[in-house]
Amino acid sequence: MGPEERSVMLEDSKRLRDAIAALPHEQARALVLAVFYGLTALEISESEGIPLGTAKTRIRAAMLRLRAKLVVDDER
């Protein structure tokens, strides 16, 4: 990987981290547990002590907000 590719990768990584950090805490936590730790919504609901539907809603809402944020940033 060359310096230019590395720079783009680091920039993309920072944008993603910043977008996740801007999410409400509960949504960010659910998203990170699902995407980066590979937990299912059921596993998240059990580990967080929340209803399954709430876990699913948090993951979905986080994904929608994250997508919207990243698309808006791309259009700038």
C-alpha atoms as a PDB file:
ATOM      1  CA  MET A   1       0.000   0.000   0.000  1.00  0.00           C
ATOM      2  CA  GLY A   2       1.395   3.349  -1.029  1.00  0.00           C
ATOM      3  CA  PRO A   3       1.363   6.599   0.938  1.00  0.00           C
ATOM      4  CA  GLU A   4      -1.640   7.992  -0.941  1.00  0.00           C
ATOM      5  CA  GLU A   5      -3.732   4.870  -0.315  1.00  0.00           C
ATOM      6  CA  ARG A   6      -2.703   4.875   3.338  1.00  0.00           C
ATOM      7  CA  SER A   7      -3.719   8.532   3.652  1.00  0.00           C
ATOM      8  CA  VAL A   8      -7.148   7.840   2.139  1.00  0.00           C
ATOM      9  CA  MET A   9      -7.624   4.844   4.423  1.00  0.00           C
ATOM     10  CA  LEU A  10      -6.705   6.868   7.511  1.00  0.00           C
ATOM     11  CA  GLU A  11      -9.060   9.666   6.477  1.00  0.00           C
ATOM     12  CA  ASP A  12     -11.932   7.218   5.898  1.00  0.00           C
ATOM     13  CA  SER A  13     -11.238   5.556   9.219  1.00  0.00           C
ATOM     14  CA  LYS A  14     -11.336   8.912  11.023  1.00  0.00           C
ATOM     15  CA  ARG A  15     -14.613   9.852   9.305  1.00  0.00           C
ATOM     16  CA  LEU A  16     -16.164   6.565  10.415  1.00  0.00           C
ATOM     17  CA  ARG A  17     -14.936   6.926  14.014  1.00  0.00           C
ATOM     18  CA  ASP A  18     -16.221  10.505  14.165  1.00  0.00           C
ATOM     19  CA  ALA A  19     -19.610   9.497  12.741  1.00  0.00           C
ATOM     20  CA  ILE A  20     -19.953   6.669  15.280  1.00  0.00           C
ATOM     21  CA  ALA A  21     -18.933   9.017  18.100  1.00  0.00           C
ATOM     22  CA  ALA A  22     -21.704  11.429  17.047  1.00  0.00           C
ATOM     23  CA  LEU A  23     -24.388   8.753  17.522  1.00  0.00           C
ATOM     24  CA  PRO A  24     -26.383   8.544  20.748  1.00  0.00           C
ATOM     25  CA  HIS A  25     -24.424   6.363  23.180  1.00  0.00           C
ATOM     26  CA  GLU A  26     -26.913   3.468  23.197  1.00  0.00           C
ATOM     27  CA  GLN A  27     -27.017   3.318  19.409  1.00  0.00           C
ATOM     28  CA  ALA A  28     -23.251   3.564  19.049  1.00  0.00           C
ATOM     29  CA  ARG A  29     -22.745   0.769  21.581  1.00  0.00           C
ATOM     30  CA  ALA A  30     -25.267  -1.531  19.877  1.00  0.00           C
ATOM     31  CA  LEU A  31     -23.746  -0.842  16.462  1.00  0.00           C
ATOM     32  CA  VAL A  32     -20.185  -1.494  17.628  1.00  0.00           C
ATOM     33  CA  LEU A  33     -21.213  -4.709  19.386  1.00  0.00           C
ATOM     34  CA  ALA A  34     -22.997  -5.920  16.249  1.00  0.00           C
ATOM     35  CA  VAL A  35     -20.568  -4.828  13.545  1.00  0.00           C
ATOM     36  CA  PHE A  36     -17.152  -4.999  15.161  1.00  0.00           C
ATOM     37  CA  TYR A  37     -17.726  -7.702  17.769  1.00  0.00           C
ATOM     38  CA  GLY A  38     -20.118  -9.789  15.675  1.00  0.00           C
ATOM     39  CA  LEU A  39     -22.833 -10.083  18.309  1.00  0.00           C
ATOM     40  CA  THR A  40     -26.389 -10.806  17.224  1.00  0.00           C
ATOM     41  CA  ALA A  41     -29.295  -8.603  18.288  1.00  0.00           C
ATOM     42  CA  LEU A  42     -30.317 -11.357  20.716  1.00  0.00           C
ATOM     43  CA  GLU A  43     -26.832 -11.454  22.254  1.00  0.00           C
ATOM     44  CA  ILE A  44     -26.838  -7.663  22.557  1.00  0.00           C
ATOM     45  CA  SER A  45     -30.260  -7.669  24.201  1.00  0.00           C
ATOM     46  CA  GLU A  46     -29.109 -10.266  26.721  1.00  0.00           C
ATOM     47  CA  SER A  47     -25.779  -8.591  27.495  1.00  0.00           C
ATOM     48  CA  GLU A  48     -27.346  -5.107  27.784  1.00  0.00           C
ATOM     49  CA  GLY A  49     -30.451  -6.301  29.652  1.00  0.00           C
ATOM     50  CA  ILE A  50     -32.823  -4.771  27.094  1.00  0.00           C
ATOM     51  CA  PRO A  51     -35.693  -6.221  25.040  1.00  0.00           C
ATOM     52  CA  LEU A  52     -34.743  -7.815  21.718  1.00  0.00           C
ATOM     53  CA  GLY A  53     -36.838  -5.275  19.804  1.00  0.00           C
ATOM     54  CA  THR A  54     -34.958  -2.424  21.481  1.00  0.00           C
ATOM     55  CA  ALA A  55     -31.611  -3.928  20.491  1.00  0.00           C
ATOM     56  CA  LYS A  56     -32.781  -4.302  16.892  1.00  0.00           C
ATOM     57  CA  THR A  57     -34.120  -0.752  16.834  1.00  0.00           C
ATOM     58  CA  ARG A  58     -30.871   0.671  18.202  1.00  0.00           C
ATOM     59  CA  ILE A  59     -28.776  -1.160  15.614  1.00  0.00           C
ATOM     60  CA  ARG A  60     -31.043  -0.137  12.735  1.00  0.00           C
ATOM     61  CA  ALA A  61     -31.331   3.491  13.856  1.00  0.00           C
ATOM     62  CA  ALA A  62     -27.554   3.696  14.241  1.00  0.00           C
ATOM     63  CA  MET A  63     -26.997   2.282  10.764  1.00  0.00           C
ATOM     64  CA  LEU A  64     -29.464   4.737   9.215  1.00  0.00           C
ATOM     65  CA  ARG A  65     -27.915   7.731  11.012  1.00  0.00           C
ATOM     66  CA  LEU A  66     -24.413   6.581  10.138  1.00  0.00           C
ATOM     67  CA  ARG A  67     -25.293   6.128   6.474  1.00  0.00           C
ATOM     68  CA  ALA A  68     -26.975   9.536   6.339  1.00  0.00           C
ATOM     69  CA  LYS A  69     -23.969  11.234   7.967  1.00  0.00           C
ATOM     70  CA  LEU A  70     -21.425   9.576   5.678  1.00  0.00           C
ATOM     71  CA  VAL A  71     -23.457  10.301   2.523  1.00  0.00           C
ATOM     72  CA  VAL A  72     -23.860  13.965   3.468  1.00  0.00           C
ATOM     73  CA  ASP A  73     -20.114  14.217   4.125  1.00  0.00           C
ATOM     74  CA  ASP A  74     -19.371  12.610   0.738  1.00  0.00           C
ATOM     75  CA  GLU A  75     -21.535  15.165  -1.041  1.00  0.00           C
ATOM     76  CA  ARG A  76     -19.569  18.075   0.399  1.00  0.00           C
END
